[in-house]
Protein backbone atom coordinates (compact mmCIF):
# COMPACT_ATOMS: atom_id res chain seq x y z
CA MET A 1 2.35 -33.05 36.21
CA ALA A 2 -0.30 -31.18 37.60
CA GLU A 3 0.95 -27.83 36.01
CA SER A 4 1.29 -29.56 32.73
CA TRP A 5 -2.25 -30.83 33.05
CA VAL A 6 -3.73 -27.25 33.82
CA ASN A 7 -1.74 -25.95 30.90
CA SER A 8 -2.95 -28.36 28.35
CA ALA A 9 -6.54 -28.00 29.75
CA GLU A 10 -6.36 -24.40 29.09
CA ARG A 11 -4.83 -24.83 25.58
CA ILE A 12 -7.50 -27.13 24.49
CA GLY A 13 -10.31 -26.26 26.80
CA ALA A 14 -13.77 -27.90 25.92
CA ASP A 15 -13.55 -27.19 22.25
CA LEU A 16 -12.30 -29.56 19.60
CA HIS A 17 -12.80 -29.16 15.86
CA VAL A 18 -13.51 -32.52 14.22
CA ASP A 19 -14.75 -32.90 10.68
CA LEU A 20 -16.98 -35.89 10.45
CA SER A 21 -17.60 -35.60 6.86
CA GLY A 22 -15.73 -38.81 5.78
CA SER A 23 -17.38 -41.95 4.55
CA GLY A 24 -18.45 -44.83 6.73
CA SER A 25 -19.88 -44.98 10.04
CA ARG A 26 -19.62 -42.16 12.60
CA ARG A 27 -17.11 -44.20 14.49
CA ALA A 28 -14.92 -44.71 11.65
CA ALA A 29 -15.13 -40.84 10.62
CA LEU A 30 -14.18 -39.76 14.24
CA ILE A 31 -11.45 -42.22 14.45
CA GLY A 32 -10.09 -40.99 10.92
CA ALA A 33 -10.40 -37.29 12.03
CA LEU A 34 -8.43 -37.81 15.31
CA ARG A 35 -5.64 -39.68 13.71
CA GLU A 36 -5.31 -36.87 10.92
CA ALA A 37 -5.37 -34.24 13.58
CA VAL A 38 -2.54 -36.00 15.52
CA ARG A 39 -0.58 -36.78 12.38
CA SER A 40 -0.71 -33.20 11.09
CA GLY A 41 0.31 -31.60 14.47
CA ARG A 42 -2.85 -29.97 15.08
CA LEU A 43 -3.15 -31.96 18.23
CA THR A 44 0.31 -31.90 19.84
CA PRO A 45 1.76 -34.73 22.16
CA GLY A 46 0.45 -34.25 25.71
CA THR A 47 -2.76 -32.29 24.45
CA ARG A 48 -5.70 -33.24 26.82
CA LEU A 49 -8.80 -34.28 24.71
CA PRO A 50 -12.44 -33.43 25.91
CA PRO A 51 -14.14 -35.97 28.06
CA TYR A 52 -16.06 -38.26 25.70
CA ARG A 53 -19.37 -37.05 27.00
CA SER A 54 -18.70 -33.40 26.06
CA LEU A 55 -17.32 -34.20 22.53
CA ALA A 56 -20.28 -36.56 21.96
CA ALA A 57 -22.75 -33.61 22.92
CA ASP A 58 -20.75 -31.15 20.81
CA LEU A 59 -20.64 -33.53 17.72
CA GLY A 60 -24.21 -34.78 18.28
CA ILE A 61 -23.32 -38.40 18.37
CA ALA A 62 -23.75 -41.03 20.92
CA ARG A 63 -21.55 -41.25 23.86
CA ASN A 64 -20.62 -44.91 23.21
CA THR A 65 -19.42 -43.86 19.61
CA VAL A 66 -16.85 -41.43 21.19
CA ALA A 67 -15.96 -43.74 23.96
CA ASP A 68 -15.21 -46.80 21.51
CA ALA A 69 -13.32 -44.30 19.13
CA TYR A 70 -11.05 -43.13 22.19
CA ALA A 71 -10.45 -46.75 23.00
CA GLU A 72 -9.54 -47.82 19.63
CA LEU A 73 -7.03 -44.98 19.40
CA VAL A 74 -5.58 -45.77 22.84
CA ALA A 75 -5.17 -49.42 21.65
CA GLU A 76 -3.33 -48.34 18.62
CA GLY A 77 -0.88 -45.99 20.63
CA TRP A 78 -2.29 -42.55 19.25
CA LEU A 79 -3.71 -41.79 22.64
CA THR A 80 -3.15 -42.64 26.28
CA ALA A 81 -5.73 -42.69 29.11
CA ARG A 82 -5.03 -42.55 32.86
CA GLN A 83 -7.34 -42.42 35.79
CA GLY A 84 -7.63 -38.75 36.82
CA SER A 85 -5.69 -37.41 33.93
CA GLY A 86 -8.23 -38.01 31.07
CA THR A 87 -7.45 -38.94 27.45
CA ARG A 88 -4.34 -37.31 25.99
CA VAL A 89 -2.25 -37.41 22.72
CA ALA A 90 0.55 -39.68 23.15
CA GLU A 91 3.86 -38.56 23.55
CA ARG A 92 5.70 -41.16 21.52
CA VAL A 93 3.63 -40.27 18.39
CA ALA A 94 6.00 -39.07 15.59
CA PRO A 95 6.18 -35.30 14.91
CA PRO A 96 4.33 -33.71 12.01
CA PRO A 97 6.35 -33.38 8.80
CA ARG A 98 8.48 -30.24 8.40
CA VAL A 99 6.88 -27.50 6.34
CA ARG A 100 8.74 -26.44 3.39
CA VAL A 101 9.86 -22.78 3.36
CA PRO A 102 10.43 -20.97 0.19
CA LYS A 103 14.13 -20.24 -0.74
CA ARG A 104 13.29 -16.56 -1.36
CA ALA A 105 10.77 -15.68 1.72
CA PRO A 106 9.57 -12.06 1.49
CA THR A 107 11.25 -10.00 4.01
CA VAL A 108 10.13 -6.81 5.63
CA PRO A 109 12.35 -3.66 4.57
CA ALA A 110 14.68 -2.75 7.22
CA SER A 111 13.78 0.40 9.11
CA PRO A 112 16.49 3.38 8.80
CA ALA A 113 18.77 3.81 11.40
CA HIS A 114 17.51 7.46 11.97
CA ASN A 115 13.67 7.87 11.19
CA LEU A 116 12.90 11.35 10.18
CA VAL A 117 9.90 10.57 8.15
CA GLN A 118 7.05 13.22 8.57
CA GLY A 119 3.53 12.45 9.86
CA GLN A 120 4.38 10.16 12.91
CA PRO A 121 4.15 11.40 16.46
CA ASP A 122 6.70 10.10 19.14
CA ALA A 123 5.39 6.55 19.67
CA GLY A 124 7.09 6.36 22.93
CA SER A 125 5.18 9.38 24.24
CA PHE A 126 1.70 7.78 23.95
CA PRO A 127 -0.07 8.32 27.53
CA ARG A 128 -0.36 4.61 28.62
CA THR A 129 -1.29 5.07 32.31
CA ALA A 130 -3.78 7.98 31.57
CA TRP A 131 -5.31 6.15 28.60
CA LEU A 132 -5.92 2.88 30.62
CA ALA A 133 -7.29 4.80 33.58
CA ALA A 134 -9.59 6.61 31.08
CA ALA A 135 -10.72 3.28 29.57
CA ARG A 136 -11.47 1.80 33.03
CA ARG A 137 -13.53 4.77 33.94
CA ALA A 138 -15.41 4.65 30.55
CA LEU A 139 -16.16 1.05 30.88
CA THR A 140 -17.45 1.24 34.30
CA ALA A 141 -19.72 4.07 33.25
CA ALA A 142 -20.75 2.71 29.86
CA PRO A 143 -24.47 1.85 29.64
CA ASN A 144 -25.29 -1.71 28.47
CA GLU A 145 -26.59 -0.42 25.19
CA ALA A 146 -23.06 0.57 24.29
CA PHE A 147 -22.10 -2.91 23.88
CA GLY A 148 -24.73 -3.59 21.24
CA PRO A 149 -24.88 -2.54 17.55
CA GLY A 150 -23.02 0.77 17.09
CA ASP A 151 -24.63 4.07 15.93
CA PRO A 152 -22.89 4.84 12.40
CA ARG A 153 -22.61 8.46 13.72
CA GLY A 154 -20.55 7.08 16.65
CA ARG A 155 -21.01 7.07 20.31
CA ILE A 156 -22.99 10.22 21.65
CA GLU A 157 -20.42 10.50 24.73
CA LEU A 158 -17.60 10.96 22.09
CA ARG A 159 -19.54 13.27 19.87
CA ARG A 160 -20.54 15.50 22.86
CA ALA A 161 -17.00 15.67 24.11
CA LEU A 162 -15.72 16.60 20.67
CA ALA A 163 -18.26 19.43 20.24
CA ASP A 164 -17.19 21.14 23.53
CA TYR A 165 -13.50 20.43 22.68
CA LEU A 166 -13.35 21.70 18.94
CA ALA A 167 -15.54 24.93 20.09
CA ARG A 168 -13.13 25.58 22.92
CA SER A 169 -9.58 24.95 21.19
CA ARG A 170 -10.12 25.23 17.43
CA GLY A 171 -13.26 27.72 17.05
CA VAL A 172 -15.60 25.22 15.54
CA ARG A 173 -19.29 25.82 15.48
CA THR A 174 -21.23 22.58 15.67
CA ASP A 175 -23.40 20.29 17.90
CA PRO A 176 -23.01 16.56 18.41
CA GLU A 177 -25.79 15.80 15.71
CA ARG A 178 -23.45 17.27 13.13
CA ILE A 179 -20.52 15.22 14.03
CA VAL A 180 -19.80 11.80 12.44
CA VAL A 181 -16.96 9.53 13.79
CA CYS A 182 -14.58 7.92 11.35
CA SER A 183 -11.31 6.28 11.58
CA GLY A 184 -9.29 9.09 10.15
CA PHE A 185 -8.88 11.58 7.10
CA ALA A 186 -8.50 8.66 4.58
CA HIS A 187 -11.72 7.09 5.83
CA ALA A 188 -13.58 10.37 5.57
CA LEU A 189 -12.55 10.60 1.77
CA ARG A 190 -13.90 7.15 1.14
CA LEU A 191 -17.22 7.91 2.67
CA LEU A 192 -17.44 11.25 1.01
CA PHE A 193 -16.36 10.27 -2.46
CA GLY A 194 -17.09 6.61 -2.57
CA THR A 195 -14.67 3.99 -4.09
CA GLY A 196 -15.53 4.46 -7.79
CA SER A 197 -19.15 3.95 -7.83
CA GLY A 198 -20.03 7.37 -6.63
CA GLY A 199 -20.43 8.91 -3.07
CA VAL A 200 -21.86 11.85 -1.11
CA LEU A 201 -19.90 14.27 -3.24
CA ARG A 202 -18.68 14.38 -6.87
CA GLY A 203 -15.64 15.64 -8.50
CA PRO A 204 -13.35 17.14 -9.86
CA LEU A 205 -12.05 19.06 -6.97
CA ALA A 206 -9.32 21.47 -6.30
CA VAL A 207 -6.46 20.31 -4.24
CA GLU A 208 -3.21 22.19 -3.08
CA ALA A 209 -0.40 21.41 -5.31
CA TYR A 210 1.65 19.92 -2.50
CA GLY A 211 -0.12 17.21 -0.27
CA LEU A 212 -0.15 13.51 0.26
CA GLY A 213 -0.17 11.44 -2.70
CA PHE A 214 -2.20 8.77 -1.05
CA HIS A 215 -5.01 11.12 -0.58
CA ARG A 216 -4.91 12.04 -4.33
CA SER A 217 -5.03 8.23 -5.16
CA LEU A 218 -8.06 7.71 -3.21
CA LEU A 219 -9.61 10.60 -4.80
CA THR A 220 -8.58 9.31 -8.15
CA THR A 221 -9.87 6.02 -7.54
CA ALA A 222 -13.30 7.30 -6.60
CA LYS A 223 -13.20 9.13 -10.16
CA ALA A 224 -13.12 12.74 -8.34
CA ARG A 225 -10.29 14.07 -10.34
CA PRO A 226 -8.03 16.33 -8.10
CA VAL A 227 -7.20 19.46 -9.90
CA PRO A 228 -3.79 21.26 -8.54
CA LEU A 229 -4.21 24.78 -6.99
CA PRO A 230 -1.02 26.74 -6.86
CA LEU A 231 0.69 27.67 -3.59
CA ASP A 232 2.93 30.51 -2.37
CA GLU A 233 4.08 32.10 0.76
CA HIS A 234 0.51 33.02 1.74
CA GLY A 235 -0.81 29.39 1.25
CA ALA A 236 -3.26 28.25 -1.45
CA ARG A 237 -3.99 30.69 -4.27
CA VAL A 238 -7.63 30.54 -3.68
CA GLU A 239 -8.08 33.53 -6.17
CA GLU A 240 -7.51 31.14 -8.84
CA LEU A 241 -10.45 28.99 -8.15
CA PRO A 242 -12.91 30.84 -10.48
CA ASP A 243 -10.58 29.77 -13.34
CA ALA A 244 -10.53 26.08 -12.32
CA PRO A 245 -12.55 23.78 -14.47
CA SER A 246 -16.28 24.62 -14.51
CA PRO A 247 -17.49 21.58 -12.54
CA VAL A 248 -15.23 22.26 -9.50
CA ARG A 249 -17.47 22.98 -6.69
CA THR A 250 -15.13 21.56 -3.85
CA VAL A 251 -11.76 22.55 -2.62
CA LEU A 252 -9.57 20.57 -0.08
CA LEU A 253 -7.37 22.71 1.88
CA THR A 254 -4.96 22.45 5.12
CA PRO A 255 -5.43 26.22 5.92
CA ALA A 256 -4.02 26.18 9.67
CA HIS A 257 -0.89 24.78 8.61
CA GLN A 258 -0.19 23.76 4.85
CA PHE A 259 0.89 20.38 4.33
CA PRO A 260 3.74 19.87 3.78
CA THR A 261 5.24 23.40 2.83
CA GLY A 262 4.09 24.98 6.11
CA GLY A 263 2.43 28.29 6.78
CA PRO A 264 -1.30 29.15 7.35
CA LEU A 265 -3.70 30.49 4.77
CA HIS A 266 -3.58 34.20 4.74
CA PRO A 267 -6.57 35.72 6.43
CA ALA A 268 -7.59 37.49 3.28
CA ARG A 269 -7.74 34.09 1.48
CA ARG A 270 -9.69 32.49 4.19
CA THR A 271 -12.56 35.07 3.63
CA ALA A 272 -12.02 34.81 -0.09
CA VAL A 273 -12.36 31.15 -0.41
CA VAL A 274 -15.70 31.01 1.77
CA ASP A 275 -16.97 33.79 -0.54
CA TRP A 276 -16.36 31.50 -3.39
CA ALA A 277 -18.09 28.62 -1.77
CA ARG A 278 -21.17 30.68 -1.15
CA THR A 279 -21.10 32.03 -4.55
CA ARG A 280 -20.60 28.87 -6.34
CA ALA A 281 -22.71 26.72 -3.87
CA GLY A 282 -19.52 25.05 -3.36
CA LEU A 283 -17.92 23.11 -0.32
CA ILE A 284 -14.55 23.44 1.55
CA LEU A 285 -12.85 20.39 2.96
CA GLU A 286 -10.82 21.37 6.01
CA ASP A 287 -8.02 19.00 6.77
CA ASP A 288 -6.97 20.17 10.40
CA TYR A 289 -4.38 17.47 10.65
CA ASP A 290 -2.07 19.15 13.35
CA GLY A 291 -4.11 22.09 14.62
CA GLU A 292 -3.08 21.54 18.07
CA PHE A 293 0.59 22.01 17.68
CA ARG A 294 1.32 25.78 16.95
CA TYR A 295 4.39 27.02 18.81
CA ASP A 296 5.11 30.74 18.08
CA ARG A 297 1.81 32.64 18.45
CA GLU A 298 -1.94 31.80 19.30
CA PRO A 299 -3.32 28.78 17.28
CA VAL A 300 -5.05 29.61 13.99
CA GLY A 301 -8.85 28.91 14.31
CA ALA A 302 -10.64 26.56 12.06
CA LEU A 303 -11.90 27.91 8.70
CA GLN A 304 -15.22 26.17 9.67
CA GLY A 305 -15.93 28.87 12.14
CA LEU A 306 -16.40 31.38 9.25
CA ASP A 307 -19.44 29.39 7.68
CA PRO A 308 -20.35 25.97 9.20
CA GLU A 309 -22.58 25.29 6.24
CA ARG A 310 -19.83 25.62 3.52
CA VAL A 311 -16.93 24.16 5.46
CA LEU A 312 -16.71 20.56 6.11
CA TYR A 313 -14.18 20.02 8.87
CA VAL A 314 -12.18 16.88 9.39
CA GLY A 315 -9.80 15.99 12.26
CA SER A 316 -8.16 12.88 14.08
CA VAL A 317 -5.92 11.97 16.84
CA SER A 318 -3.30 10.47 14.50
CA LYS A 319 -0.76 13.36 15.22
CA SER A 320 -1.81 14.46 18.79
CA LEU A 321 -2.10 10.73 20.43
CA SER A 322 -1.27 7.97 17.75
CA PRO A 323 -2.21 6.67 14.44
CA ALA A 324 -2.90 3.30 16.07
CA VAL A 325 -5.98 4.63 17.89
CA ARG A 326 -7.84 5.13 14.53
CA LEU A 327 -10.26 7.63 15.40
CA GLY A 328 -11.31 10.83 13.62
CA TRP A 329 -14.22 12.85 13.05
CA MET A 330 -16.29 14.73 10.36
CA VAL A 331 -18.07 18.02 11.48
CA LEU A 332 -20.75 18.31 8.68
CA PRO A 333 -22.90 20.97 7.32
CA GLU A 334 -26.45 20.24 8.06
CA HIS A 335 -27.50 19.19 4.69
CA LEU A 336 -24.90 16.47 4.47
CA VAL A 337 -25.46 14.74 7.73
CA GLU A 338 -28.07 12.32 6.60
CA ALA A 339 -26.07 11.39 3.30
CA VAL A 340 -22.82 10.74 5.17
CA VAL A 341 -24.51 8.48 7.63
CA THR A 342 -26.27 6.67 4.85
CA ALA A 343 -23.03 6.26 3.14
CA LYS A 344 -21.45 4.70 6.15
CA GLY A 345 -24.10 2.17 6.82
CA GLN A 346 -26.61 1.31 9.71
CA ARG A 347 -23.91 -0.05 12.05
CA GLU A 348 -20.50 1.17 13.11
CA ALA A 349 -17.98 -1.05 11.22
CA TRP A 350 -14.81 1.08 11.58
CA ALA A 351 -14.13 2.93 14.72
CA SER A 352 -14.24 0.59 18.05
CA VAL A 353 -16.93 1.62 20.49
CA LEU A 354 -14.60 1.05 23.36
CA ASP A 355 -11.97 3.37 22.00
CA GLN A 356 -14.61 5.93 21.32
CA LEU A 357 -15.62 5.69 25.00
CA THR A 358 -12.21 5.84 26.12
CA LEU A 359 -11.32 8.89 23.95
CA ALA A 360 -14.49 10.67 25.13
CA GLU A 361 -13.39 10.07 28.89
CA PHE A 362 -9.85 11.07 27.94
CA ILE A 363 -11.08 14.55 26.61
CA THR A 364 -13.62 15.31 29.26
CA SER A 365 -11.44 14.37 32.20
CA GLY A 366 -8.73 17.07 30.85
CA SER A 367 -6.13 14.24 30.13
CA TYR A 368 -6.12 15.16 26.48
CA ASP A 369 -5.38 18.75 26.88
CA ARG A 370 -2.64 17.82 29.37
CA HIS A 371 -1.15 15.45 26.87
CA VAL A 372 -1.34 17.93 24.07
CA ARG A 373 0.36 20.53 26.18
CA ARG A 374 2.98 18.25 27.16
CA MET A 375 3.69 17.16 23.75
CA ARG A 376 3.73 20.78 22.40
CA GLN A 377 6.58 21.44 24.66
CA ASN A 378 8.55 18.49 23.75
CA TYR A 379 8.00 19.04 19.91
CA ARG A 380 8.92 22.83 20.27
CA ARG A 381 12.13 21.76 21.84
CA ARG A 382 12.99 19.19 19.27
CA ARG A 383 12.16 21.81 16.50
CA ASP A 384 14.51 24.36 18.32
CA GLN A 385 17.23 21.60 18.54
CA LEU A 386 16.80 21.07 14.82
CA VAL A 387 17.05 24.82 13.98
CA ALA A 388 20.09 25.26 16.27
CA ALA A 389 21.83 22.23 14.82
CA LEU A 390 21.29 23.71 11.21
CA ALA A 391 22.35 26.94 12.10
CA GLU A 392 25.76 25.56 13.36
CA HIS A 393 26.66 22.78 10.80
CA ALA A 394 24.65 23.98 7.70
CA PRO A 395 23.78 27.58 7.89
CA HIS A 396 23.16 27.99 4.09
CA ILE A 397 20.05 25.60 4.59
CA THR A 398 16.93 27.54 5.02
CA VAL A 399 14.42 26.06 7.39
CA THR A 400 10.56 26.96 6.77
CA GLY A 401 7.30 25.77 8.05
CA ILE A 402 8.16 25.44 11.53
CA ALA A 403 5.70 27.86 13.18
CA ALA A 404 3.55 24.63 13.75
CA GLY A 405 3.31 21.02 13.35
CA LEU A 406 5.65 18.09 13.61
CA HIS A 407 7.84 18.48 10.47
CA ALA A 408 10.11 21.33 8.96
CA VAL A 409 10.93 21.89 5.16
CA LEU A 410 14.67 22.44 4.48
CA GLN A 411 15.06 24.55 1.46
CA LEU A 412 17.80 23.08 -0.76
CA PRO A 413 19.84 24.61 -3.81
CA PRO A 414 18.09 23.71 -7.11
CA GLY A 415 19.00 20.35 -8.49
CA THR A 416 20.18 18.91 -5.18
CA GLU A 417 17.13 17.33 -3.72
CA ALA A 418 17.45 13.78 -5.26
CA SER A 419 21.22 13.63 -4.43
CA ALA A 420 20.45 14.83 -0.84
CA VAL A 421 17.67 12.13 -0.33
CA LYS A 422 20.36 9.38 -1.48
CA ALA A 423 22.95 10.91 0.73
CA ALA A 424 20.50 10.69 3.74
CA ALA A 425 19.74 7.13 2.96
CA TRP A 426 23.63 6.43 2.89
CA HIS A 427 23.85 7.97 6.39
CA GLY A 428 21.01 5.90 7.66
CA VAL A 429 18.53 8.77 7.60
CA GLY A 430 14.85 8.19 6.41
CA LEU A 431 13.07 11.27 5.06
CA GLU A 432 11.60 12.44 1.95
CA GLY A 433 12.05 15.03 -0.66
CA LEU A 434 9.54 17.66 -1.36
CA ALA A 435 8.96 16.29 -4.74
CA GLU A 436 7.20 13.45 -3.27
CA TYR A 437 4.21 15.54 -2.30
CA ARG A 438 3.94 17.64 -5.47
CA HIS A 439 0.90 16.97 -7.83
CA PRO A 440 1.87 15.40 -10.97
CA GLU A 441 -0.18 18.08 -12.91
CA ALA A 442 1.42 20.90 -11.10
CA THR A 443 3.16 23.14 -13.87
CA ALA A 444 4.99 25.92 -11.85
CA THR A 445 8.83 25.68 -10.97
CA ALA A 446 9.24 23.03 -8.34
CA PRO A 447 11.66 24.11 -5.42
CA ASP A 448 13.98 21.50 -4.00
CA GLY A 449 13.66 20.71 -0.27
CA LEU A 450 13.59 17.80 2.26
CA VAL A 451 10.69 17.16 4.58
CA VAL A 452 11.94 16.27 8.01
CA GLY A 453 9.71 15.01 10.83
CA TYR A 454 11.13 15.88 13.92
CA ALA A 455 8.59 14.21 16.21
CA THR A 456 9.34 10.56 15.02
CA PRO A 457 12.38 9.39 16.63
CA ALA A 458 12.53 8.13 20.19
CA GLU A 459 13.92 10.82 22.71
CA HIS A 460 17.12 9.06 23.20
CA ALA A 461 17.89 8.72 19.45
CA TYR A 462 16.85 12.24 18.30
CA ALA A 463 20.32 14.00 18.82
CA GLY A 464 21.88 11.31 16.90
CA ALA A 465 19.39 11.65 14.02
CA ILE A 466 20.03 15.23 13.89
CA GLU A 467 23.66 14.76 13.54
CA ALA A 468 23.35 12.30 10.57
CA LEU A 469 20.88 14.60 8.87
CA CYS A 470 23.49 17.52 9.03
CA ARG A 471 26.20 15.31 7.49
CA ALA A 472 23.92 14.31 4.57
CA LEU A 473 23.09 17.93 3.37
CA PRO A 474 24.55 19.43 0.38
CA PRO A 475 27.70 21.71 1.14
CA ALA A 476 27.50 25.69 0.93
CA ALA A 477 29.55 25.25 -2.34
CA ASP A 478 26.40 24.30 -4.11
CA LEU A 479 24.97 27.60 -3.49
CA SER A 480 27.67 29.38 -5.53
CA ARG A 481 26.51 27.41 -8.75
CA ASP A 482 23.08 28.56 -8.12
CA ALA A 483 24.11 32.06 -7.84
CA ALA A 484 24.95 32.11 -11.56
CA ALA A 485 21.46 30.63 -12.64
CA PRO A 486 18.72 32.76 -14.03
CA ASP A 487 16.31 34.51 -11.57
CA ARG A 488 13.40 32.40 -10.60
CA ASP A 489 9.89 33.26 -9.54
CA THR A 490 10.00 31.85 -5.95
CA ARG A 491 6.61 33.04 -4.83
CA THR A 492 4.72 30.17 -6.66
CA VAL A 493 5.45 26.62 -5.44
CA GLY A 494 2.96 24.48 -7.69
CA ARG A 495 0.23 24.83 -10.05
């Protein structure tokens, strides 16, 4: 009985919501409200009610009014009162009526048996112990003002840590005053282009012919029309920017590792697009979505390092740590800082200050570098396992875009992409075709392919996922049909 009393007290505490808006006296309104709370099941049998003195003080009514109401409900059998146990809801009160459930309740789509959808890191590898330790250190050292209204630019501790880290690891040239914390790349787009009523930047803007449809939708909603820019084996064909519609002054690129086709922007094109921005008084939006994960050579530095006043750099921890952390950053040209801060508002409404402090400590303590190095080794091993399995079971399939990142592109015979995606689903493999990322206005011949995220499955499930994928791929016989087809221009993959 003592344990039950404690649990009930903890459940109800000293707070009880009572609506006294009914007609009649305060006593009658209180009795009616308590009866309804018990009848509806909001107050369950055995629940301990607040002492009548406390409830009277909370409701602003006389103590005798509450005491009389309790006594009336005890007499009616709704409540019980015992010495030392307080006033409780009677156990014999009838249970609340059953809630009607719709015949066709909405259901959550079942997850595939083997999840190879790109864009997700291995959730089981999140550094829980190190993150918790960083959170404890950060909270212990945090100044009192950190728990007040947040600076819209983000916590200074995080901006300082990011300025040092990005300079060291990505070649970014900045200082903390030019960094604004956000909740990810999509949030950055919303801040920059608004949500339909205008923002810091105006469209139209050039985008790579292959990219996330979600980002294109955000831009379209903000009335910043995304104009497709062709791609080839050297990345975006930035030499065609002068031929874009005359209002185009902004281009969105993934120069370190084109998403999703793979490969860095050619050095000559990196220089050319910066020259274009300088000549047209334009701006380059650099999405460095997985810059930490390069496997076969030294990392390609950020484009921002070539001209910090013409390149707006955006990064996040969605690939390196987890999308659940919801932290990203914009490294802004000086002339855009005030406008972006104004667009964000006077108080931080998106990124948790506690998470910002934790990430700052996580970076400065070296835990972030250690985690990235460990995951780089794990993902490279997974990539090599995927390539080896394809070489053994599907040698006719070419794998591209694997020098960096968390996904690979499997090139397929023309006309086989849709059937391959269906076959993968039949084998329980969740993935997407390359066509899912194609700009709807791109006009060049579209290659067939599958986008395979090799970072997503849990460690114990990865081998099974690769086996199922290999079973779903089109057979080599499909290539013989393609051999008789007219020659295609394979250099350009979108316009």
